[in-house]
Protein backbone atom coordinates (compact mmCIF):
# COMPACT_ATOMS: atom_id res chain seq x y z
CA MET A 1 49.80 -18.32 -10.85
CA THR A 2 47.52 -18.77 -7.83
CA SER A 3 44.35 -20.75 -7.36
CA ALA A 4 40.93 -20.64 -5.71
CA GLN A 5 37.93 -22.83 -4.99
CA VAL A 6 34.17 -23.13 -5.29
CA PRO A 7 32.44 -25.79 -3.21
CA ASP A 8 30.61 -28.53 -5.05
CA GLU A 9 27.37 -27.48 -6.69
CA GLU A 10 24.23 -27.15 -4.59
CA HIS A 11 21.23 -27.86 -6.82
CA THR A 12 18.65 -25.96 -4.81
CA GLY A 13 16.42 -25.40 -7.81
CA ILE A 14 17.31 -26.57 -11.32
CA LEU A 15 14.97 -25.22 -13.95
CA PRO A 16 15.35 -26.09 -17.64
CA SER A 17 15.64 -23.23 -20.10
CA PRO A 18 14.68 -23.05 -23.76
CA ARG A 19 18.34 -23.12 -24.78
CA GLY A 20 19.41 -26.06 -22.67
CA ARG A 21 20.88 -24.07 -19.81
CA ARG A 22 20.10 -25.00 -16.25
CA ARG A 23 20.26 -22.78 -13.22
CA ILE A 24 22.20 -23.70 -10.13
CA SER A 25 22.93 -22.06 -6.84
CA VAL A 26 26.58 -21.92 -5.79
CA SER A 27 27.37 -21.14 -2.18
CA ILE A 28 29.67 -18.22 -3.04
CA GLN A 29 27.09 -16.56 -5.27
CA GLU A 30 23.41 -17.12 -5.78
CA ARG A 31 23.45 -15.81 -9.33
CA SER A 32 24.85 -18.41 -11.67
CA ALA A 33 24.15 -20.33 -14.87
CA ARG A 34 25.65 -23.31 -16.68
CA VAL A 35 26.65 -23.40 -20.34
CA GLY A 36 27.89 -26.84 -21.32
CA ASP A 37 30.56 -27.78 -18.77
CA THR A 38 31.26 -24.17 -17.81
CA ILE A 39 29.70 -22.42 -14.82
CA ILE A 40 29.10 -18.69 -15.25
CA ILE A 41 28.86 -16.61 -12.05
CA ASP A 42 27.81 -12.99 -11.67
CA GLY A 43 30.63 -11.54 -9.57
CA HIS A 44 30.14 -7.81 -9.99
CA LEU A 45 29.18 -7.46 -6.30
CA ALA A 46 31.37 -10.27 -4.96
CA HIS A 47 34.39 -9.82 -2.69
CA LEU A 48 36.93 -11.06 -5.22
CA GLU A 49 39.88 -11.50 -2.86
CA SER A 50 37.78 -13.74 -0.62
CA LEU A 51 36.51 -15.60 -3.67
CA MET A 52 40.00 -16.26 -5.00
CA ARG A 53 41.21 -17.40 -1.58
CA ARG A 54 38.36 -19.87 -1.23
CA MET A 55 38.91 -21.15 -4.76
CA SER A 56 42.58 -21.78 -4.11
CA GLU A 57 41.64 -24.12 -1.27
CA GLY A 58 39.78 -26.28 -3.79
CA GLY A 59 42.65 -26.67 -6.22
CA TYR A 60 41.61 -24.13 -8.86
CA GLN A 61 44.17 -22.34 -11.03
CA TRP A 62 43.05 -18.86 -11.98
CA GLU A 63 43.67 -16.18 -14.59
CA GLU A 64 42.40 -12.61 -14.56
CA THR A 65 41.32 -10.29 -17.39
CA PRO A 66 39.71 -6.84 -17.16
CA HIS A 67 36.19 -8.34 -17.04
CA PHE A 68 36.70 -11.97 -16.00
CA LEU A 69 38.23 -14.33 -13.47
CA LEU A 70 38.83 -17.79 -14.98
CA PHE A 71 39.11 -20.81 -12.68
CA ARG A 72 40.13 -24.33 -13.78
CA ARG A 73 40.90 -27.66 -12.13
CA ASP A 74 40.89 -31.36 -13.05
CA ARG A 75 37.68 -32.44 -11.30
CA PRO A 76 34.14 -31.10 -11.75
CA PRO A 77 33.16 -28.41 -11.85
CA LYS A 78 36.28 -28.00 -13.99
CA THR A 79 35.74 -24.51 -15.42
CA ILE A 80 34.21 -21.48 -13.72
CA VAL A 81 34.00 -18.04 -15.28
CA VAL A 82 33.28 -15.15 -12.92
CA HIS A 83 32.32 -11.94 -14.72
CA ARG A 84 32.11 -8.36 -13.47
CA PHE A 85 29.24 -7.09 -15.61
CA GLY A 86 26.40 -5.30 -13.86
CA PRO A 87 22.78 -5.54 -15.05
CA GLY A 88 23.07 -2.29 -17.07
CA VAL A 89 25.89 -3.39 -19.41
CA SER A 90 24.77 -3.83 -23.02
CA PRO A 91 24.96 -7.25 -24.75
CA GLU A 92 27.25 -5.70 -27.39
CA ALA A 93 29.79 -4.64 -24.75
CA MET A 94 29.63 -8.08 -23.13
CA LEU A 95 30.16 -9.84 -26.47
CA HIS A 96 33.14 -7.62 -27.30
CA ALA A 97 34.77 -8.45 -23.95
CA ILE A 98 34.15 -12.18 -24.48
CA GLU A 99 35.74 -12.18 -27.92
CA THR A 100 38.76 -10.06 -27.00
CA GLU A 101 39.52 -11.44 -23.51
CA LEU A 102 38.52 -15.12 -23.61
CA THR A 103 39.77 -16.14 -27.06
CA PRO A 104 43.41 -16.52 -25.85
CA PHE A 105 42.27 -19.07 -23.25
CA GLY A 106 40.58 -21.41 -25.72
CA PHE A 107 36.97 -20.62 -24.84
CA LEU A 108 35.87 -19.82 -28.39
CA MET A 109 36.61 -23.04 -30.27
CA LEU A 110 33.33 -23.01 -32.21
CA GLU A 111 31.59 -20.18 -34.03
CA GLU A 112 28.60 -20.18 -31.65
CA ASP A 113 30.67 -20.32 -28.43
CA ALA A 114 30.75 -16.53 -27.96
CA ASN A 115 26.95 -16.27 -28.15
CA ARG A 116 26.53 -19.23 -25.79
CA LEU A 117 28.79 -17.57 -23.22
CA LEU A 118 26.88 -14.31 -23.67
CA GLU A 119 23.63 -16.14 -22.95
CA GLY A 120 25.20 -17.66 -19.83
CA ILE A 121 26.32 -14.24 -18.58
CA GLN A 122 22.86 -12.79 -19.16
CA ALA A 123 21.32 -15.77 -17.39
CA SER A 124 23.57 -15.23 -14.35
CA LEU A 125 22.20 -11.69 -14.14
CA ASP A 126 18.65 -13.08 -14.15
CA PRO A 127 18.11 -14.67 -10.72
CA LEU A 128 14.31 -14.87 -10.85
CA PRO A 129 13.61 -18.62 -11.06
CA VAL A 130 15.89 -19.81 -8.28
CA ARG A 131 15.94 -16.93 -5.83
CA LEU A 132 12.24 -16.15 -5.86
CA TYR A 133 11.29 -19.81 -5.77
CA GLN A 134 13.34 -20.24 -2.61
CA ARG A 135 11.61 -17.26 -0.97
CA SER A 136 7.96 -17.92 -1.77
CA LEU A 137 4.81 -19.23 -0.11
CA GLN A 138 1.42 -20.20 -1.46
CA ILE A 139 -1.58 -19.40 0.70
CA GLY A 140 -5.22 -18.55 0.08
CA GLY A 141 -4.80 -18.84 -3.69
CA TRP A 142 -1.91 -16.34 -3.72
CA THR A 143 1.75 -16.96 -4.50
CA VAL A 144 3.77 -14.54 -2.36
CA MET A 145 7.48 -13.94 -2.95
CA GLN A 146 10.16 -11.89 -1.23
CA ALA A 147 11.98 -9.83 -3.86
CA ILE A 148 14.54 -7.91 -1.78
CA GLY A 149 17.55 -7.01 -3.92
CA LEU A 150 15.71 -7.33 -7.23
CA ASP A 151 14.64 -4.46 -9.48
CA ARG A 152 10.85 -4.14 -9.49
CA HIS A 153 10.65 -2.58 -12.95
CA TRP A 154 12.72 -5.41 -14.42
CA LEU A 155 10.48 -7.93 -12.66
CA ALA A 156 7.38 -6.14 -13.92
CA ARG A 157 8.71 -6.38 -17.46
CA ARG A 158 9.40 -10.10 -17.03
CA TYR A 159 5.92 -10.82 -15.73
CA ARG A 160 4.28 -8.81 -18.49
CA GLN A 161 6.19 -10.93 -20.99
CA ARG A 162 4.54 -13.96 -19.38
CA GLY A 163 1.04 -12.59 -19.91
CA TYR A 164 0.43 -10.98 -16.53
CA GLN A 165 -1.28 -7.69 -15.79
CA VAL A 166 1.07 -5.88 -13.41
CA GLU A 167 0.44 -3.21 -10.79
CA ILE A 168 3.39 -1.54 -9.03
CA THR A 169 2.91 0.01 -5.57
CA PRO A 170 5.49 1.38 -3.10
CA HIS A 171 5.92 -2.00 -1.37
CA PHE A 172 4.46 -4.55 -3.76
CA LEU A 173 4.25 -5.90 -7.29
CA VAL A 174 0.91 -7.58 -8.01
CA CYS A 175 0.73 -9.83 -11.08
CA THR A 176 -2.54 -11.35 -12.33
CA ARG A 177 -3.59 -13.41 -15.34
CA GLN A 178 -6.29 -15.92 -16.32
CA HIS A 179 -4.34 -19.12 -15.59
CA PRO A 180 -2.18 -20.13 -12.60
CA PRO A 181 -0.03 -19.21 -10.92
CA SER A 182 -2.18 -16.15 -10.26
CA PRO A 183 -2.35 -13.85 -8.45
CA VAL A 184 1.34 -13.37 -7.60
CA LEU A 185 2.46 -10.86 -4.97
CA LEU A 186 6.11 -9.80 -4.75
CA HIS A 187 7.19 -7.70 -1.80
CA TRP A 188 10.24 -5.68 -0.75
CA CYS A 189 9.60 -5.77 3.02
CA ARG A 190 12.83 -6.34 4.92
CA PRO A 191 13.00 -8.30 8.20
CA GLU A 192 13.09 -5.11 10.26
CA GLN A 193 9.76 -4.13 8.65
CA MET A 194 8.01 -7.24 9.94
CA HIS A 195 5.49 -5.54 12.23
CA PRO A 196 1.81 -4.46 12.04
CA SER A 197 2.53 -1.67 9.55
CA LEU A 198 2.46 -4.45 6.95
CA ALA A 199 -1.30 -4.58 7.33
CA GLY A 200 -1.48 -0.85 6.63
CA TYR A 201 0.65 -1.23 3.50
CA LEU A 202 -1.62 -4.01 2.22
CA ILE A 203 -4.83 -2.10 2.95
CA ASP A 204 -3.59 1.16 1.43
CA GLU A 205 -1.91 -0.31 -1.65
CA LEU A 206 -3.97 -3.40 -2.52
CA GLY A 207 -7.38 -2.40 -1.19
CA PRO A 208 -8.13 0.22 -3.88
CA HIS A 209 -7.63 -2.45 -6.58
CA GLY A 210 -10.18 -4.78 -5.00
CA TRP A 211 -7.67 -7.44 -3.92
CA LEU A 212 -8.63 -7.29 -0.22
CA SER A 213 -12.34 -7.93 0.06
CA ASP A 214 -12.33 -9.14 3.66
CA HIS A 215 -10.21 -9.66 6.75
CA GLN A 216 -9.50 -13.29 5.83
CA GLN A 217 -7.59 -12.22 2.71
CA LEU A 218 -5.59 -9.70 4.73
CA SER A 219 -4.69 -12.40 7.26
CA CYS A 220 -3.58 -14.78 4.50
CA LEU A 221 -1.31 -12.21 2.86
CA MET A 222 0.13 -11.12 6.21
CA THR A 223 0.92 -14.75 7.03
CA ALA A 224 2.58 -15.28 3.65
CA ILE A 225 4.70 -12.12 3.80
CA VAL A 226 5.80 -12.84 7.36
CA GLY A 227 6.45 -16.46 6.37
CA THR A 228 8.93 -15.47 3.66
CA THR A 229 11.23 -14.24 6.44
CA TYR A 230 11.95 -17.89 7.31
CA PRO A 231 10.58 -20.05 4.46
CA GLY A 232 9.61 -23.46 5.80
CA ASP A 233 9.46 -22.33 9.44
CA LEU A 234 6.29 -20.28 9.90
CA ARG A 235 6.38 -20.47 13.68
CA ARG A 236 9.87 -18.98 13.76
CA ALA A 237 8.77 -16.27 11.31
CA TRP A 238 5.83 -15.24 13.52
CA SER A 239 8.04 -15.32 16.61
CA TYR A 240 10.40 -12.90 14.89
CA PHE A 241 7.43 -10.72 13.89
CA GLY A 242 6.24 -10.59 17.49
CA ALA A 243 9.63 -9.84 19.03
CA ASN A 244 10.35 -7.19 16.39
CA THR A 245 6.96 -5.54 16.93
CA LEU A 246 7.34 -5.41 20.70
CA LEU A 247 10.85 -3.97 20.41
CA HIS A 248 9.62 -1.23 18.06
CA LEU A 249 6.65 -0.41 20.29
CA LEU A 250 8.79 -0.20 23.43
CA THR A 251 10.98 2.32 21.61
CA LEU A 252 8.16 4.27 19.98
CA VAL A 253 5.99 4.73 23.07
CA THR A 254 8.81 6.71 24.66
CA THR A 255 9.09 9.06 21.67
CA ALA A 256 5.59 9.12 20.15
CA ALA A 257 4.23 12.63 19.56
CA PRO A 258 0.59 13.61 20.14
CA HIS A 259 0.31 14.94 16.58
CA MET A 260 1.70 12.49 14.05
CA PRO A 261 2.64 13.55 10.50
CA PRO A 262 0.27 12.17 7.81
CA ASP A 263 2.90 9.82 6.37
CA SER A 264 3.49 8.06 9.68
CA SER A 265 3.27 4.27 9.62
CA THR A 266 0.51 2.18 11.17
CA LEU A 267 2.91 1.15 13.93
CA GLU A 268 3.73 4.78 14.78
CA PHE A 269 0.04 5.64 15.08
CA THR A 270 -0.49 2.55 17.22
CA ALA A 271 2.40 3.57 19.49
CA THR A 272 0.91 7.06 19.86
CA LEU A 273 -2.42 5.57 20.91
CA TYR A 274 -0.78 3.10 23.29
CA GLN A 275 1.30 5.83 24.88
CA ARG A 276 -1.80 7.90 25.64
CA VAL A 277 -3.76 4.92 26.97
CA LEU A 278 -0.88 3.96 29.27
CA GLU A 279 -1.11 7.44 30.78
CA LEU A 280 -4.86 7.01 31.45
CA CYS A 281 -4.72 3.53 33.00
CA ALA A 282 -5.49 3.32 36.71
CA GLY A 283 -5.19 0.62 39.36
CA LYS A 284 -3.47 -2.75 39.39
CA ARG A 285 -5.82 -5.11 37.52
CA PHE A 286 -6.37 -4.66 33.80
CA LEU A 287 -8.44 -6.20 31.01
CA ASP A 288 -7.54 -5.56 27.37
CA ALA A 289 -10.80 -6.52 25.63
CA GLY A 290 -10.37 -7.55 22.00
CA CYS A 291 -6.61 -7.74 22.52
CA ASN A 292 -5.86 -9.11 19.02
CA ALA A 293 -2.12 -9.98 18.97
CA GLY A 294 -1.72 -8.96 22.62
CA PHE A 295 0.95 -6.27 22.26
CA PHE A 296 -0.79 -3.68 24.44
CA ALA A 297 -1.04 -6.18 27.30
CA LEU A 298 2.69 -6.86 26.99
CA LEU A 299 3.49 -3.13 26.91
CA LEU A 300 1.38 -2.57 30.00
CA ALA A 301 3.28 -5.28 31.86
CA GLU A 302 6.64 -3.87 30.71
CA ARG A 303 5.91 -0.22 31.49
CA ARG A 304 3.61 -0.13 34.52
CA PRO A 305 4.88 -0.96 38.05
CA PHE A 306 2.94 -2.81 40.76
CA VAL A 307 0.67 -4.63 38.32
CA GLU A 308 -1.20 -7.57 39.84
CA GLU A 309 -2.95 -8.98 36.76
CA ILE A 310 -3.32 -8.21 33.07
CA VAL A 311 -5.80 -10.24 31.03
CA GLY A 312 -5.89 -10.09 27.24
CA LEU A 313 -9.11 -11.43 25.74
CA ASP A 314 -9.95 -12.10 22.10
CA LEU A 315 -12.49 -14.15 20.16
CA ASP A 316 -9.71 -15.78 18.11
CA GLY A 317 -7.48 -17.81 20.39
CA SER A 318 -4.75 -18.16 17.76
CA VAL A 319 -3.90 -14.46 17.44
CA PHE A 320 -2.19 -14.11 20.82
CA ARG A 321 -0.04 -17.29 20.75
CA VAL A 322 3.10 -15.29 19.92
CA ALA A 323 2.33 -12.86 22.76
CA GLU A 324 2.00 -15.78 25.19
CA GLU A 325 5.45 -16.98 24.18
CA LEU A 326 6.91 -13.47 24.48
CA ALA A 327 5.41 -13.12 27.96
CA ARG A 328 7.10 -16.36 29.03
CA GLN A 329 10.42 -15.36 27.49
CA ARG A 330 10.40 -11.92 29.13
CA GLY A 331 9.19 -13.13 32.53
CA LEU A 332 5.93 -11.17 32.39
CA HIS A 333 4.13 -13.46 34.82
CA THR A 334 1.24 -11.08 35.48
CA VAL A 335 0.01 -11.41 31.87
CA ARG A 336 -2.37 -14.10 30.69
CA PHE A 337 -4.51 -14.45 27.59
CA VAL A 338 -8.04 -15.85 27.35
CA GLN A 339 -10.24 -16.76 24.42
CA GLY A 340 -13.71 -15.29 24.82
CA ASP A 341 -16.62 -13.44 23.23
CA LEU A 342 -17.29 -9.87 24.34
CA ARG A 343 -20.94 -10.33 23.34
CA SER A 344 -21.38 -13.09 25.91
CA ALA A 345 -22.61 -12.46 29.45
CA GLU A 346 -19.97 -15.00 30.52
CA LEU A 347 -17.46 -12.12 30.40
CA VAL A 348 -18.34 -11.21 33.99
CA ARG A 349 -16.85 -14.51 35.16
CA LEU A 350 -13.40 -13.03 34.58
CA GLY A 351 -13.98 -10.78 37.59
CA HIS A 352 -13.62 -7.03 37.95
CA PHE A 353 -10.78 -4.84 36.71
CA ASP A 354 -9.56 -1.38 37.66
CA THR A 355 -9.07 -0.45 34.00
CA VAL A 356 -10.70 -2.01 30.95
CA THR A 357 -9.47 -1.09 27.47
CA ALA A 358 -11.12 -1.75 24.10
CA LEU A 359 -8.78 -0.27 21.51
CA HIS A 360 -10.03 -0.31 17.91
CA VAL A 361 -12.61 -2.94 18.83
CA LEU A 362 -16.09 -1.37 18.59
CA GLU A 363 -15.89 -0.90 14.82
CA HIS A 364 -15.76 -4.68 14.41
CA PHE A 365 -19.35 -5.05 15.68
CA ALA A 366 -22.71 -4.11 14.24
CA GLU A 367 -24.42 -1.33 16.20
CA ALA A 368 -26.72 -3.57 18.26
CA GLU A 369 -23.83 -5.89 19.15
CA MET A 370 -21.67 -2.91 20.10
CA TYR A 371 -24.07 -1.77 22.82
CA GLN A 372 -24.24 -5.33 24.11
CA VAL A 373 -20.43 -5.36 24.32
CA LEU A 374 -20.36 -1.98 26.08
CA GLU A 375 -22.86 -3.18 28.66
CA HIS A 376 -20.63 -6.15 29.49
CA LEU A 377 -17.49 -4.01 29.65
CA LEU A 378 -19.13 -1.55 32.04
CA GLN A 379 -20.13 -4.45 34.29
CA VAL A 380 -16.49 -5.50 34.82
CA THR A 381 -15.02 -1.96 35.08
CA CYS A 382 -14.18 -0.63 38.55
CA GLN A 383 -12.51 2.69 37.63
CA HIS A 384 -11.68 3.42 33.97
CA LEU A 385 -13.17 2.17 30.71
CA ILE A 386 -11.01 3.38 27.81
CA LEU A 387 -12.43 3.15 24.28
CA ALA A 388 -10.60 4.05 21.07
CA VAL A 389 -11.83 3.90 17.47
CA PRO A 390 -10.46 4.95 14.07
CA TYR A 391 -12.24 7.63 12.09
CA GLU A 392 -13.28 6.42 8.64
CA GLU A 393 -15.66 7.53 5.92
CA GLN A 394 -16.44 3.89 5.08
CA PRO A 395 -15.77 0.73 7.10
CA THR A 396 -12.50 -0.88 5.96
CA ALA A 397 -13.45 -4.39 4.86
CA GLY A 398 -9.85 -5.60 4.93
CA TYR A 399 -9.69 -4.96 8.67
CA GLY A 400 -13.10 -6.55 9.22
CA HIS A 401 -14.78 -3.26 10.18
CA ARG A 402 -18.59 -3.27 10.22
CA GLN A 403 -19.29 0.35 11.13
CA CYS A 404 -17.49 3.67 11.12
CA PHE A 405 -17.25 6.51 13.61
CA SER A 406 -17.06 10.29 13.64
CA PRO A 407 -16.28 12.50 16.66
CA GLU A 408 -19.98 13.18 17.14
CA ARG A 409 -20.96 9.52 17.03
CA LEU A 410 -18.22 8.46 19.43
CA GLN A 411 -19.30 11.08 21.96
CA GLN A 412 -22.88 9.82 21.63
CA VAL A 413 -21.56 6.37 22.58
CA GLY A 414 -19.88 7.96 25.59
CA GLN A 415 -23.12 9.61 26.68
CA TRP A 416 -24.90 6.26 26.41
CA CYS A 417 -22.28 4.74 28.74
CA LEU A 418 -22.86 7.52 31.29
CA GLU A 419 -26.59 6.84 31.18
CA GLN A 420 -25.93 3.19 32.05
CA LEU A 421 -23.95 4.36 35.10
CA GLN A 422 -26.95 6.45 36.23
CA GLY A 423 -24.92 9.49 37.12
CA ALA A 424 -22.06 7.63 38.78
CA GLY A 425 -19.51 8.53 36.12
CA GLN A 426 -17.84 11.20 34.02
CA LEU A 427 -16.61 11.40 30.43
CA TRP A 428 -13.42 12.57 28.75
CA TYR A 429 -13.03 12.76 24.95
CA GLU A 430 -10.01 13.52 22.77
CA GLU A 431 -8.68 12.83 19.30
CA VAL A 432 -5.56 10.70 18.97
CA ALA A 433 -3.82 8.75 16.19
CA ARG A 434 -6.34 9.26 13.35
CA GLY A 435 -9.25 8.50 15.62
CA GLY A 436 -11.01 9.24 18.86
CA LEU A 437 -10.58 8.18 22.47
CA LEU A 438 -13.14 8.05 25.28
CA LEU A 439 -12.38 7.72 28.97
CA ILE A 440 -15.39 6.67 31.04
CA GLU A 441 -14.56 7.07 34.73
CA ARG A 442 -16.75 5.55 37.42
CA THR A 443 -17.41 7.88 40.34
CA ALA A 444 -19.16 7.46 43.66
CA PRO A 445 -22.95 7.64 43.28
């Protein structure tokens, strides 16, 4: 007979159940339940040899049956039962195994013991209260949970049993009811998916249901989803998001195709746009107007030689904090970020730039404000002004869009810019990444 060990219990979230069970989290396995003095652990995915070796170090004696590993020692927790049932095994099959395999070891002393053990096994296969609680954030009235590894249809059934209306989308489970907690958003976005495509998933999947009425709600849900990567450390979560996004963009801009398939992600379309804009940039001093998170400015510094200065400017000074940190970490000393309003004449105080970019910026302004912004951008442009907009039938409220563009309207904007230059310029138009791109080039009068 050999032995194995489980470390002492870690009560990371003990929730009472109607039948007197309580959930615990054991370091060797998150899925566990307690029935009386016995701990039940779901071990159908565990590395059993490693488990038995670790148990032996803690003084446990063990016995093995076709469906169970039984561990016992003199000090608490004295008895641990590890079962090998997956979620699809019927209760009848579990009960038969309990009665035939555990009776010889003295587990079924009372008539109700078999049913109590069955309930414990079923509870160990039900990790919802502990695991989701540990991976959740509350923000903007929403409760957002990471549900990686859990079956969405099983979760949907559980939430419906609790009185929720449930909608299932490719990346999310949205649960709503009249009393809190509501609404609840569960997501299956893995760490490697923490990049701007998340915003596209939210817009495409939640927008049609009316859950994203403005950009503030989108920002809250993005923050919550990113935050579940490192619960309790939001700054670290956003730092990971930024580093992961930049890494993906650096890879994608070298492989992006001019014609993207319709199922491409938001990040792939962004990379296609950035790749084309990088080709059109001229000179050594650059301004990225309305830089948002600042990733294009970082790409420009990484990919273009002989740069003297790159300025990223945005109205919201908080959105480029991660980019500032990335620039420091990567030694991109030519990049700096500035908070400012493109509608203000104070923009000219930044100086003049060889290339000015405004990528997916104009749609965030009303028409009168847009022409005011364009006037200011032309004033600080020495060579190239590059404008890009998405094509939409209606402005997307979740992104904060206030107007929409068509190819004809964008070219009208380009003609207006040429009129302001009084003949000292030329225009190039093309379609790229679900939208349009204008290059306004200053020429000698």
